[in-house]
Amino acid sequence: MSITVADCLKLPAMREARLAAGGAGLNRFVTAVSVIEYPNISLFSSDLVVGNEMMISALVYIKDDVEQQCQLIRHLHSMGSACLVLYYVGIFVQELDRRLVETADSLGFPLVAMPAGRMDYRYSDLIAEVMEWIIADRKQEKYYVSEMVNRISQLAPQHQTMSSALRLLSDRLHCTFLLADRYLKPKAAAAWPISNQWDYPAVLNAVEESRPNASEATEEYLCGKKVFIWDMPVRSKRNQDFHLFVMDETGTQKQEELLQAAEVIELFLNIWNQDHNFEGTDALVHAILSDQPAEKERLAAQMHIDIEPIHTLWILRIINKSGVTVDGNQRLFCLKQLKQYLQDRHKLVIVDTYSHYVVALSDDSLFDDTELSMAYEFARELEKDGLQVEGVVCQGVENTAHARSAYLLSDANLDTVRCIYPERRIFTLGEVQFAQNCRDVLEQGEDRLNKELRCFDKIYALPDRDSLLQTLCVYLLDANTNTQETGQFMYLHKNTVKYRLNKIRAALNYDITQMPETYALYQAAALYRLLKR
């Protein structure tokens, strides 16, 4: 249940009040009560009055200025206030002007007048009754996300900001909320109480060291106070890895309520957020790899990034010691490492995540090193930290459509290409396409497969066929037709390798290093490995 203005009119403290205007807004929710006795519009801000508050006033300061009264009604409505309850009519404001009534009616904003000419109605009576009802209602209502979404939707568009959303949550849960990006840069905050002043950069420095999580708070001493801090992950369709830090001096917050707070912020990012401050390179990468050229151009212009020189795409899957794709702090570490590594070698670098990959977009290298060799060098650097890199380096990327197709091809075939080339971790787009071709052969059925493997028939007839086929696969797929490297991979003397290769040549009766015969053997070797996996 949620309390509305109509519900409040039934309370004893409002029994003799009358609805003077704005009857269309009687279904507006009431979640708090505030008093405004100095209603100077220029001093109001969205930090002071936000969403579904019942406002109480005698309008003493503007009792003779009808235009200011109308302006106040418009301002309260735009900020999502529930209603205005006007006390002491006939004593300060002598009567409700027709223009004031028409303004409230046109907005559907309830204007409630307490009995005229009476000073024996106290603000405290109404505040006590309404707040007791609100508190009791909140204890019964376990899921408050829909209420928050409704309250945000009632705000005027200019007040549908992240700060307003956090303020609503702060007022609901009586704690401070701080939203930060993946690099722990503050994006928006709402303090509880509102007068509380925090050094948010200092807060973020503290949490970077303590690493709180969503299930268990860490204790910090900040600004001379003991504070309990939770880190609630927030994700959206376009933006990733936001952190909603919850700061509470009592430590009594419940995890299920904090999870709902993170859900509210996720919904806000997906539905209302128009603030470019929350759009990072993750949104740009998403636009490029999902083939949205118009969105790509908009974001690039907003970020002052000239993306025309981008022709190289790295798609990396990074795995930790447990064999799991990195996430959270490990992924952030990899992002920073890759960005720093590439910035030393390119003029333009965009590094972010897309799905479960770390993605890099860049211009042509400043040096003679190939992108493939640089990727291997970066992989060796991460190995020092116990991380394994596997992925695809795509060069000659021409547009978003090409980038999208390259990503989809790589995502669909990374495991397949790893099976074909088990000694390697980094692959070219051509090798990924070859892996897709091999999959196509397998999916076309046994007849097509047998046709492609027919070049192995004479080897199958030999008694030592298994060792010969293994040697041929390593020679073609892993060692790039290098005899010595083949021996190293197989822990064999190079003379043993030569003997086996000569035996294969004799059986086939042609040079296995010459095209086009080599291509048939090469593909057959790849198919053989895929069948054996």
Protein backbone atom coordinates (compact mmCIF):
# COMPACT_ATOMS: atom_id res chain seq x y z
CA MET A 1 0.00 0.00 0.00
CA SER A 2 1.15 3.58 -0.69
CA ILE A 3 -0.37 6.65 1.02
CA THR A 4 -1.98 9.24 -1.23
CA VAL A 5 -3.14 12.83 -0.73
CA ALA A 6 -6.73 11.53 -0.69
CA ASP A 7 -5.81 9.17 2.16
CA CYS A 8 -4.27 12.02 4.17
CA LEU A 9 -7.43 14.13 3.86
CA LYS A 10 -9.19 11.49 5.98
CA LEU A 11 -6.83 11.93 8.94
CA PRO A 12 -8.16 13.65 12.08
CA ALA A 13 -5.66 16.49 11.69
CA MET A 14 -7.13 17.30 8.24
CA ARG A 15 -10.78 16.45 8.87
CA GLU A 16 -11.94 20.06 8.55
CA ALA A 17 -9.56 20.95 5.71
CA ARG A 18 -10.96 21.54 2.23
CA LEU A 19 -9.54 20.73 -1.15
CA ALA A 20 -9.34 24.17 -2.75
CA ALA A 21 -7.89 23.09 -6.13
CA GLY A 22 -6.01 20.36 -8.00
CA GLY A 23 -8.44 17.51 -7.40
CA ALA A 24 -6.95 15.58 -10.34
CA GLY A 25 -3.81 14.99 -8.26
CA LEU A 26 -5.43 13.38 -5.21
CA ASN A 27 -3.82 10.06 -6.15
CA ARG A 28 -0.31 11.50 -5.77
CA PHE A 29 1.76 9.57 -3.24
CA VAL A 30 2.87 11.15 0.03
CA THR A 31 6.17 9.89 1.43
CA ALA A 32 7.31 12.77 3.65
CA VAL A 33 6.23 16.10 5.13
CA SER A 34 8.17 19.36 4.90
CA VAL A 35 7.55 22.89 6.11
CA ILE A 36 8.40 25.92 3.94
CA GLU A 37 8.03 29.26 5.66
CA TYR A 38 10.42 31.17 3.44
CA PRO A 39 9.26 30.05 -0.02
CA ASN A 40 11.79 31.98 -2.07
CA ILE A 41 11.98 30.06 -5.36
CA SER A 42 15.55 31.14 -6.04
CA LEU A 43 16.68 29.39 -2.85
CA PHE A 44 14.99 26.09 -3.62
CA SER A 45 16.95 23.27 -5.19
CA SER A 46 16.27 19.67 -6.08
CA ASP A 47 18.45 18.71 -3.11
CA LEU A 48 16.04 20.37 -0.68
CA VAL A 49 12.64 19.39 -2.04
CA VAL A 50 12.30 16.22 -4.07
CA GLY A 51 9.36 14.05 -4.90
CA ASN A 52 6.11 13.24 -3.09
CA GLU A 53 6.56 15.52 -0.11
CA MET A 54 3.51 17.09 1.47
CA MET A 55 4.46 20.74 1.80
CA ILE A 56 3.06 22.80 4.70
CA SER A 57 3.14 26.60 4.75
CA ALA A 58 1.30 29.75 5.69
CA LEU A 59 3.04 31.62 2.83
CA VAL A 60 3.80 34.46 5.21
CA TYR A 61 6.71 35.72 3.15
CA ILE A 62 4.63 36.00 -0.06
CA LYS A 63 1.18 36.47 1.48
CA ASP A 64 0.42 39.52 -0.71
CA ASP A 65 2.18 38.38 -3.91
CA VAL A 66 -0.17 36.17 -5.93
CA GLU A 67 2.30 35.78 -8.80
CA GLN A 68 4.92 34.43 -6.39
CA GLN A 69 2.31 32.07 -4.95
CA CYS A 70 1.51 30.75 -8.43
CA GLN A 71 5.19 30.40 -9.20
CA LEU A 72 5.63 28.37 -6.00
CA ILE A 73 2.82 26.01 -7.03
CA ARG A 74 4.42 25.50 -10.44
CA HIS A 75 7.83 24.88 -8.87
CA LEU A 76 6.55 22.37 -6.30
CA HIS A 77 4.68 20.52 -9.04
CA SER A 78 7.78 20.36 -11.24
CA MET A 79 9.75 18.86 -8.36
CA GLY A 80 7.16 16.14 -7.83
CA SER A 81 5.81 17.38 -4.51
CA ALA A 82 2.56 15.71 -3.44
CA CYS A 83 0.54 18.78 -2.43
CA LEU A 84 0.59 22.10 -0.60
CA VAL A 85 -1.34 22.42 2.67
CA LEU A 86 -2.02 26.06 3.40
CA TYR A 87 -2.49 27.07 7.05
CA TYR A 88 -3.95 30.24 8.61
CA VAL A 89 -5.92 31.40 5.58
CA GLY A 90 -7.63 34.68 6.42
CA ILE A 91 -4.87 35.57 8.88
CA PHE A 92 -1.82 35.80 6.59
CA VAL A 93 -3.06 34.98 3.10
CA GLN A 94 -6.42 36.69 3.30
CA GLU A 95 -8.07 34.58 0.61
CA LEU A 96 -7.13 32.16 -2.13
CA ASP A 97 -6.87 34.16 -5.31
CA ARG A 98 -8.61 32.84 -8.42
CA ARG A 99 -5.27 32.78 -10.30
CA LEU A 100 -3.75 30.56 -7.62
CA VAL A 101 -6.68 28.13 -7.80
CA GLU A 102 -6.56 28.06 -11.61
CA THR A 103 -2.81 27.36 -11.56
CA ALA A 104 -3.21 24.41 -9.19
CA ASP A 105 -6.18 23.08 -11.18
CA SER A 106 -4.34 23.32 -14.50
CA LEU A 107 -1.45 21.28 -13.08
CA GLY A 108 -3.56 18.79 -11.18
CA PHE A 109 -1.62 19.82 -8.07
CA PRO A 110 -3.64 19.50 -4.83
CA LEU A 111 -3.98 22.74 -2.88
CA VAL A 112 -5.47 22.04 0.55
CA ALA A 113 -6.69 24.87 2.77
CA MET A 114 -6.99 24.44 6.51
CA PRO A 115 -9.99 26.12 8.23
CA ALA A 116 -9.87 29.87 7.68
CA GLY A 117 -9.27 32.34 10.47
CA ARG A 118 -8.12 29.78 13.02
CA MET A 119 -4.71 29.66 14.73
CA ASP A 120 -5.40 26.54 16.79
CA TYR A 121 -4.37 24.15 14.01
CA ARG A 122 -0.76 23.10 14.54
CA TYR A 123 1.72 21.91 11.95
CA SER A 124 2.96 19.26 14.37
CA ASP A 125 -0.43 17.52 14.55
CA LEU A 126 -0.49 16.91 10.80
CA ILE A 127 3.22 16.04 10.62
CA ALA A 128 2.90 13.47 13.41
CA GLU A 129 -0.15 11.73 11.93
CA VAL A 130 1.15 11.60 8.38
CA MET A 131 4.66 10.44 9.32
CA GLU A 132 3.38 7.75 11.70
CA TRP A 133 1.24 6.38 8.87
CA ILE A 134 4.14 6.53 6.39
CA ILE A 135 6.50 4.73 8.77
CA ALA A 136 3.94 2.01 9.51
CA ASP A 137 3.28 1.60 5.78
CA ARG A 138 6.99 1.24 5.01
CA LYS A 139 7.36 -1.50 7.61
CA GLN A 140 4.67 -3.50 5.84
CA GLU A 141 5.90 -2.84 2.30
CA LYS A 142 8.98 -4.97 1.67
CA TYR A 143 9.41 -4.21 -2.04
CA TYR A 144 9.66 -0.49 -2.70
CA VAL A 145 11.15 -0.41 -6.23
CA SER A 146 7.81 0.16 -7.98
CA GLU A 147 7.02 3.01 -5.59
CA MET A 148 10.36 4.67 -6.36
CA VAL A 149 9.87 4.27 -10.10
CA ASN A 150 6.44 5.88 -9.76
CA ARG A 151 7.87 8.78 -7.75
CA ILE A 152 10.63 9.41 -10.29
CA SER A 153 8.09 9.34 -13.11
CA GLN A 154 6.10 12.10 -11.38
CA LEU A 155 9.09 14.45 -11.39
CA ALA A 156 9.28 17.06 -14.11
CA PRO A 157 11.78 16.06 -16.84
CA GLN A 158 14.36 18.61 -15.70
CA HIS A 159 14.33 17.04 -12.22
CA GLN A 160 14.59 13.44 -13.39
CA THR A 161 18.28 13.33 -12.57
CA MET A 162 20.52 10.82 -10.88
CA SER A 163 20.91 13.17 -7.91
CA SER A 164 17.12 13.27 -7.49
CA ALA A 165 16.89 9.47 -7.66
CA LEU A 166 19.59 9.13 -5.03
CA ARG A 167 17.86 11.75 -2.87
CA LEU A 168 14.62 9.76 -2.96
CA LEU A 169 16.49 6.62 -1.91
CA SER A 170 18.38 8.49 0.79
CA ASP A 171 15.15 9.84 2.25
CA ARG A 172 13.64 6.35 2.13
CA LEU A 173 16.49 4.41 3.78
CA HIS A 174 18.04 7.21 5.86
CA CYS A 175 21.57 6.69 4.62
CA THR A 176 24.03 8.33 2.23
CA PHE A 177 24.33 7.11 -1.36
CA LEU A 178 27.36 7.70 -3.56
CA LEU A 179 27.43 6.55 -7.18
CA ALA A 180 30.86 6.06 -8.77
CA ASP A 181 32.08 4.67 -12.07
CA ARG A 182 34.37 1.69 -12.54
CA TYR A 183 37.43 3.86 -11.95
CA LEU A 184 35.90 5.05 -8.66
CA LYS A 185 35.27 8.57 -9.91
CA PRO A 186 32.22 10.13 -8.18
CA LYS A 187 29.20 10.68 -10.43
CA ALA A 188 26.36 11.64 -8.07
CA ALA A 189 25.56 11.58 -4.36
CA ALA A 190 22.86 12.24 -1.80
CA ALA A 191 23.80 12.67 1.85
CA TRP A 192 21.78 11.70 4.91
CA PRO A 193 20.92 13.85 6.66
CA ILE A 194 20.93 16.36 3.81
CA SER A 195 23.13 18.71 5.84
CA ASN A 196 25.85 16.06 6.15
CA GLN A 197 28.97 17.00 4.24
CA TRP A 198 31.28 14.23 3.05
CA ASP A 199 34.64 14.33 1.38
CA TYR A 200 33.58 11.90 -1.36
CA PRO A 201 37.04 11.52 -2.96
CA ALA A 202 38.36 10.53 0.47
CA VAL A 203 35.50 8.05 0.83
CA LEU A 204 36.39 6.48 -2.52
CA ASN A 205 40.07 6.30 -1.61
CA ALA A 206 39.10 4.42 1.55
CA VAL A 207 36.84 1.93 -0.22
CA GLU A 208 39.45 1.29 -2.90
CA GLU A 209 41.68 -0.09 -0.15
CA SER A 210 39.05 -1.89 1.93
CA ARG A 211 37.02 -3.29 -1.00
CA PRO A 212 33.56 -3.55 0.61
CA ASN A 213 30.93 -5.74 -1.03
CA ALA A 214 27.17 -6.04 -1.33
CA SER A 215 26.73 -8.68 1.35
CA GLU A 216 28.97 -7.35 4.09
CA ALA A 217 29.77 -3.78 5.08
CA THR A 218 33.24 -2.57 5.99
CA GLU A 219 33.83 -0.17 8.85
CA GLU A 220 35.67 3.05 8.08
CA TYR A 221 36.52 6.11 10.13
CA LEU A 222 35.83 9.10 7.90
CA CYS A 223 35.60 12.75 8.90
CA GLY A 224 35.84 11.70 12.53
CA LYS A 225 32.89 9.29 12.29
CA LYS A 226 32.56 5.52 12.15
CA VAL A 227 30.75 4.62 8.95
CA PHE A 228 29.54 1.31 7.55
CA ILE A 229 29.95 1.07 3.76
CA TRP A 230 28.42 -1.38 1.27
CA ASP A 231 29.35 -1.63 -2.41
CA MET A 232 26.29 -2.46 -4.53
CA PRO A 233 27.10 -3.22 -8.20
CA VAL A 234 24.94 -1.38 -10.74
CA ARG A 235 24.64 -2.32 -14.40
CA SER A 236 22.57 -1.04 -17.26
CA LYS A 237 22.01 -1.85 -20.92
CA ARG A 238 24.54 0.75 -22.08
CA ASN A 239 26.78 1.33 -19.08
CA GLN A 240 28.73 -1.14 -17.00
CA ASP A 241 30.43 -1.42 -13.67
CA PHE A 242 28.94 1.44 -11.69
CA HIS A 243 29.29 1.21 -7.92
CA LEU A 244 26.52 2.35 -5.60
CA PHE A 245 28.21 2.92 -2.25
CA VAL A 246 25.88 2.97 0.74
CA MET A 247 27.16 4.85 3.80
CA ASP A 248 25.37 4.39 7.11
CA GLU A 249 26.51 5.44 10.57
CA THR A 250 24.24 2.93 12.34
CA GLY A 251 25.14 -0.21 10.36
CA THR A 252 21.52 -1.37 10.45
CA GLN A 253 20.78 -1.40 6.72
CA LYS A 254 19.26 -4.62 5.36
CA GLN A 255 20.81 -6.22 2.30
CA GLU A 256 17.48 -6.85 0.56
CA GLU A 257 16.64 -3.15 0.78
CA LEU A 258 20.05 -2.13 -0.53
CA LEU A 259 19.69 -4.55 -3.45
CA GLN A 260 16.43 -2.82 -4.28
CA ALA A 261 18.22 0.54 -4.20
CA ALA A 262 20.69 -0.75 -6.79
CA GLU A 263 17.74 -2.00 -8.86
CA VAL A 264 16.18 1.48 -8.78
CA ILE A 265 19.41 3.04 -10.07
CA GLU A 266 19.68 0.40 -12.81
CA LEU A 267 16.13 1.19 -13.90
CA PHE A 268 16.87 4.91 -13.82
CA LEU A 269 19.91 4.46 -16.07
CA ASN A 270 17.87 2.39 -18.52
CA ILE A 271 14.70 4.51 -18.57
CA TRP A 272 15.39 8.14 -17.72
CA ASN A 273 19.06 8.93 -17.73
CA GLN A 274 19.91 11.60 -20.30
CA ASP A 275 23.00 12.87 -18.52
CA HIS A 276 26.05 12.48 -20.77
CA ASN A 277 28.16 12.44 -17.61
CA PHE A 278 27.11 8.80 -17.22
CA GLU A 279 28.01 7.76 -20.76
CA GLY A 280 31.52 6.36 -20.98
CA THR A 281 33.57 4.50 -23.53
CA ASP A 282 31.53 1.38 -22.73
CA ALA A 283 28.57 3.04 -24.45
CA LEU A 284 30.77 3.94 -27.43
CA VAL A 285 32.13 0.39 -27.70
CA HIS A 286 28.58 -0.94 -27.46
CA ALA A 287 27.48 1.37 -30.31
CA ILE A 288 30.38 0.23 -32.50
CA LEU A 289 30.08 -3.51 -31.86
CA SER A 290 26.28 -3.52 -32.11
CA ASP A 291 26.50 -1.65 -35.44
CA GLN A 292 24.77 1.60 -34.46
CA PRO A 293 26.58 4.16 -36.63
CA ALA A 294 24.38 7.13 -35.68
CA GLU A 295 24.81 6.44 -31.95
CA LYS A 296 28.53 5.92 -32.51
CA GLU A 297 28.81 9.35 -34.15
CA ARG A 298 26.83 11.01 -31.37
CA LEU A 299 28.92 9.52 -28.58
CA ALA A 300 32.20 10.12 -30.38
CA ALA A 301 31.31 13.79 -30.90
CA GLN A 302 30.24 14.10 -27.27
CA MET A 303 33.55 12.62 -26.09
CA HIS A 304 35.58 14.56 -28.67
CA ILE A 305 36.98 11.33 -30.13
CA ASP A 306 37.87 11.12 -33.81
CA ILE A 307 37.08 7.49 -34.58
CA GLU A 308 37.90 7.62 -38.29
CA PRO A 309 41.50 6.37 -37.78
CA ILE A 310 40.27 3.27 -35.91
CA HIS A 311 41.08 0.17 -37.95
CA THR A 312 42.19 -2.34 -35.30
CA LEU A 313 40.03 -4.33 -32.90
CA TRP A 314 41.28 -6.56 -30.07
CA ILE A 315 38.79 -8.99 -28.52
CA LEU A 316 40.32 -10.59 -25.44
CA ARG A 317 39.02 -13.13 -22.96
CA ILE A 318 41.05 -12.97 -19.76
CA ILE A 319 40.95 -15.90 -17.35
CA ASN A 320 42.14 -16.01 -13.74
CA LYS A 321 43.91 -18.78 -11.85
CA SER A 322 40.60 -20.48 -11.13
CA GLY A 323 39.88 -20.80 -14.84
CA VAL A 324 37.07 -18.23 -14.67
CA THR A 325 36.72 -15.16 -16.89
CA VAL A 326 37.79 -12.15 -14.84
CA ASP A 327 35.19 -9.83 -13.40
CA GLY A 328 35.01 -6.95 -10.96
CA ASN A 329 38.33 -5.69 -9.67
CA GLN A 330 40.36 -8.12 -11.78
CA ARG A 331 38.65 -6.94 -14.94
CA LEU A 332 39.21 -3.31 -13.97
CA PHE A 333 42.90 -4.10 -13.42
CA CYS A 334 43.11 -5.65 -16.90
CA LEU A 335 41.36 -2.65 -18.46
CA LYS A 336 43.86 -0.26 -16.92
CA GLN A 337 46.82 -2.43 -17.89
CA LEU A 338 45.70 -2.80 -21.50
CA LYS A 339 44.89 0.89 -21.87
CA GLN A 340 48.30 1.90 -20.55
CA TYR A 341 50.03 -0.68 -22.73
CA LEU A 342 48.31 0.45 -25.94
CA GLN A 343 48.60 4.18 -25.24
CA ASP A 344 52.36 3.80 -25.44
CA ARG A 345 52.01 2.32 -28.93
CA HIS A 346 49.04 4.14 -30.51
CA LYS A 347 47.77 7.70 -30.76
CA LEU A 348 44.12 6.72 -30.34
CA VAL A 349 43.04 4.01 -27.91
CA ILE A 350 39.59 3.03 -26.62
CA VAL A 351 39.59 0.19 -24.09
CA ASP A 352 36.50 -1.15 -22.39
CA THR A 353 34.39 -4.26 -21.91
CA TYR A 354 31.72 -5.78 -24.12
CA SER A 355 29.87 -8.83 -22.91
CA HIS A 356 32.53 -10.95 -21.12
CA TYR A 357 35.41 -9.64 -23.26
CA VAL A 358 37.92 -6.86 -22.84
CA VAL A 359 37.85 -4.90 -26.08
CA ALA A 360 40.38 -2.44 -27.52
CA LEU A 361 39.93 -0.18 -30.55
CA SER A 362 42.93 1.70 -31.91
CA ASP A 363 44.53 3.32 -34.92
CA ASP A 364 47.59 1.98 -36.69
CA SER A 365 50.60 1.19 -34.51
CA LEU A 366 53.27 3.84 -34.03
CA PHE A 367 55.97 1.20 -34.41
CA ASP A 368 56.90 -1.61 -36.76
CA ASP A 369 55.64 -4.25 -34.34
CA THR A 370 52.63 -6.16 -35.60
CA GLU A 371 49.39 -6.07 -33.62
CA LEU A 372 49.70 -9.83 -33.14
CA SER A 373 53.15 -9.58 -31.59
CA MET A 374 51.97 -6.75 -29.33
CA ALA A 375 49.02 -8.84 -28.19
CA TYR A 376 51.37 -11.70 -27.31
CA GLU A 377 53.62 -9.32 -25.41
CA PHE A 378 50.65 -7.99 -23.43
CA ALA A 379 49.54 -11.55 -22.71
CA ARG A 380 52.99 -12.35 -21.30
CA GLU A 381 52.76 -9.28 -19.05
CA LEU A 382 49.45 -10.44 -17.58
CA GLU A 383 50.81 -13.95 -17.08
CA LYS A 384 53.08 -12.45 -14.42
CA ASP A 385 49.90 -11.67 -12.47
CA GLY A 386 48.52 -15.17 -12.90
CA LEU A 387 46.13 -14.24 -15.71
CA GLN A 388 45.74 -15.98 -19.05
CA VAL A 389 44.79 -14.10 -22.21
CA GLU A 390 43.14 -15.54 -25.28
CA GLY A 391 41.50 -13.65 -28.08
CA VAL A 392 41.45 -12.27 -31.59
CA VAL A 393 43.25 -9.35 -33.23
CA CYS A 394 41.27 -7.91 -36.14
CA GLN A 395 42.96 -5.48 -38.52
CA GLY A 396 41.56 -3.50 -41.40
CA VAL A 397 38.27 -2.78 -39.63
CA GLU A 398 36.43 -0.39 -41.94
CA ASN A 399 33.13 0.49 -40.23
CA THR A 400 30.68 -0.51 -37.49
CA ALA A 401 29.19 -3.27 -39.66
CA HIS A 402 32.65 -4.80 -40.17
CA ALA A 403 33.43 -4.46 -36.45
CA ARG A 404 30.14 -6.10 -35.55
CA SER A 405 30.67 -9.06 -37.90
CA ALA A 406 34.26 -9.48 -36.68
CA TYR A 407 33.07 -9.55 -33.07
CA LEU A 408 30.28 -12.04 -33.75
CA LEU A 409 32.61 -14.29 -35.72
CA SER A 410 35.23 -14.20 -32.96
CA ASP A 411 32.71 -14.77 -30.18
CA ALA A 412 31.21 -17.79 -31.97
CA ASN A 413 34.54 -19.42 -32.83
CA LEU A 414 37.06 -18.60 -30.10
CA ASP A 415 36.74 -22.03 -28.49
CA THR A 416 36.91 -23.71 -31.91
CA VAL A 417 40.03 -21.87 -33.02
CA ARG A 418 41.64 -22.66 -29.64
CA CYS A 419 40.98 -26.35 -30.32
CA ILE A 420 42.55 -26.15 -33.78
CA TYR A 421 45.60 -24.27 -32.48
CA PRO A 422 45.99 -25.46 -28.87
CA GLU A 423 49.52 -24.10 -28.55
CA ARG A 424 48.39 -20.55 -29.20
CA ARG A 425 46.26 -17.98 -27.41
CA ILE A 426 46.05 -15.04 -29.84
CA PHE A 427 44.57 -15.39 -33.31
CA THR A 428 43.96 -13.40 -36.46
CA LEU A 429 40.53 -12.80 -37.93
CA GLY A 430 41.53 -14.99 -40.88
CA GLU A 431 42.23 -17.91 -38.54
CA VAL A 432 38.86 -17.40 -36.86
CA GLN A 433 37.19 -17.45 -40.28
CA PHE A 434 39.06 -20.69 -41.05
CA ALA A 435 37.68 -22.16 -37.82
CA GLN A 436 34.17 -21.20 -38.91
CA ASN A 437 34.77 -22.88 -42.28
CA CYS A 438 35.78 -26.07 -40.49
CA ARG A 439 32.64 -25.94 -38.37
CA ASP A 440 30.59 -25.54 -41.52
CA VAL A 441 32.13 -28.74 -42.91
CA LEU A 442 31.31 -30.66 -39.73
CA GLU A 443 27.73 -29.38 -39.76
CA GLN A 444 27.19 -30.48 -43.39
CA GLY A 445 27.28 -34.12 -42.47
CA GLU A 446 29.38 -37.25 -42.76
CA ASP A 447 29.62 -37.31 -46.56
CA ARG A 448 31.15 -33.86 -46.73
CA LEU A 449 33.49 -34.64 -43.82
CA ASN A 450 34.71 -37.87 -45.42
CA LYS A 451 35.38 -36.00 -48.64
CA GLU A 452 37.60 -33.46 -46.83
CA LEU A 453 39.46 -36.21 -44.92
CA ARG A 454 40.06 -38.37 -48.02
CA CYS A 455 43.60 -37.03 -48.35
CA PHE A 456 44.41 -38.95 -45.13
CA ASP A 457 43.33 -42.33 -46.56
CA LYS A 458 46.85 -43.55 -47.37
CA ILE A 459 48.09 -42.50 -43.93
CA TYR A 460 45.19 -44.37 -42.28
CA ALA A 461 46.45 -47.52 -43.99
CA LEU A 462 49.82 -47.37 -42.19
CA PRO A 463 50.28 -49.24 -38.88
CA ASP A 464 51.68 -46.13 -37.08
CA ARG A 465 48.94 -43.82 -38.43
CA ASP A 466 48.17 -42.21 -35.04
CA SER A 467 51.72 -40.95 -34.44
CA LEU A 468 52.04 -39.88 -38.08
CA LEU A 469 48.78 -37.90 -38.02
CA GLN A 470 49.72 -36.30 -34.73
CA THR A 471 53.08 -35.25 -36.16
CA LEU A 472 51.44 -33.88 -39.32
CA CYS A 473 48.93 -31.83 -37.30
CA VAL A 474 51.64 -30.28 -35.15
CA TYR A 475 53.86 -29.65 -38.19
CA LEU A 476 51.12 -27.84 -40.13
CA LEU A 477 49.01 -26.18 -37.44
CA ASP A 478 51.43 -25.43 -34.60
CA ALA A 479 54.98 -25.28 -35.99
CA ASN A 480 54.30 -23.50 -39.29
CA THR A 481 56.05 -26.35 -41.19
CA ASN A 482 59.20 -26.00 -39.08
CA THR A 483 60.78 -29.37 -38.30
CA GLN A 484 62.72 -28.27 -35.24
CA GLU A 485 59.71 -26.55 -33.65
CA THR A 486 57.63 -29.63 -34.33
CA GLY A 487 60.14 -31.68 -32.34
CA GLN A 488 60.05 -29.16 -29.50
CA PHE A 489 56.25 -29.28 -29.29
CA MET A 490 56.26 -33.11 -29.33
CA TYR A 491 59.40 -33.59 -27.24
CA LEU A 492 60.98 -35.53 -30.12
CA HIS A 493 64.38 -35.38 -31.75
CA LYS A 494 64.20 -33.50 -35.04
CA ASN A 495 65.48 -36.62 -36.87
CA THR A 496 62.46 -38.53 -35.59
CA VAL A 497 60.24 -35.77 -36.92
CA LYS A 498 62.02 -35.88 -40.30
CA TYR A 499 61.59 -39.65 -40.46
CA ARG A 500 57.85 -39.40 -39.86
CA LEU A 501 57.39 -36.56 -42.33
CA ASN A 502 59.32 -38.47 -45.02
CA LYS A 503 57.11 -41.48 -44.38
CA ILE A 504 54.03 -39.28 -44.85
CA ARG A 505 55.43 -37.84 -48.11
CA ALA A 506 56.13 -41.32 -49.41
CA ALA A 507 52.61 -42.48 -48.60
CA LEU A 508 50.97 -39.44 -50.19
CA ASN A 509 53.43 -39.24 -53.07
CA TYR A 510 53.61 -35.40 -53.08
CA ASP A 511 55.40 -32.56 -51.26
CA ILE A 512 53.31 -31.70 -48.22
CA THR A 513 54.63 -28.12 -48.14
CA GLN A 514 53.43 -27.14 -51.61
CA MET A 515 50.07 -25.59 -52.49
CA PRO A 516 47.35 -26.48 -53.28
CA GLU A 517 47.89 -29.90 -51.72
CA THR A 518 49.03 -28.31 -48.48
CA TYR A 519 45.69 -26.51 -47.99
CA ALA A 520 43.76 -29.79 -48.25
CA LEU A 521 46.06 -31.35 -45.64
CA TYR A 522 45.89 -28.22 -43.47
CA GLN A 523 42.08 -28.27 -43.34
CA ALA A 524 42.03 -32.05 -42.86
CA ALA A 525 44.41 -31.65 -39.90
CA ALA A 526 42.11 -29.04 -38.36
CA LEU A 527 39.05 -31.24 -38.85
CA TYR A 528 40.92 -34.20 -37.37
CA ARG A 529 41.63 -32.17 -34.22
CA LEU A 530 38.03 -31.01 -33.93
CA LEU A 531 36.86 -34.61 -34.19
CA LYS A 532 39.29 -35.69 -31.47
CA ARG A 533 38.38 -33.01 -28.94
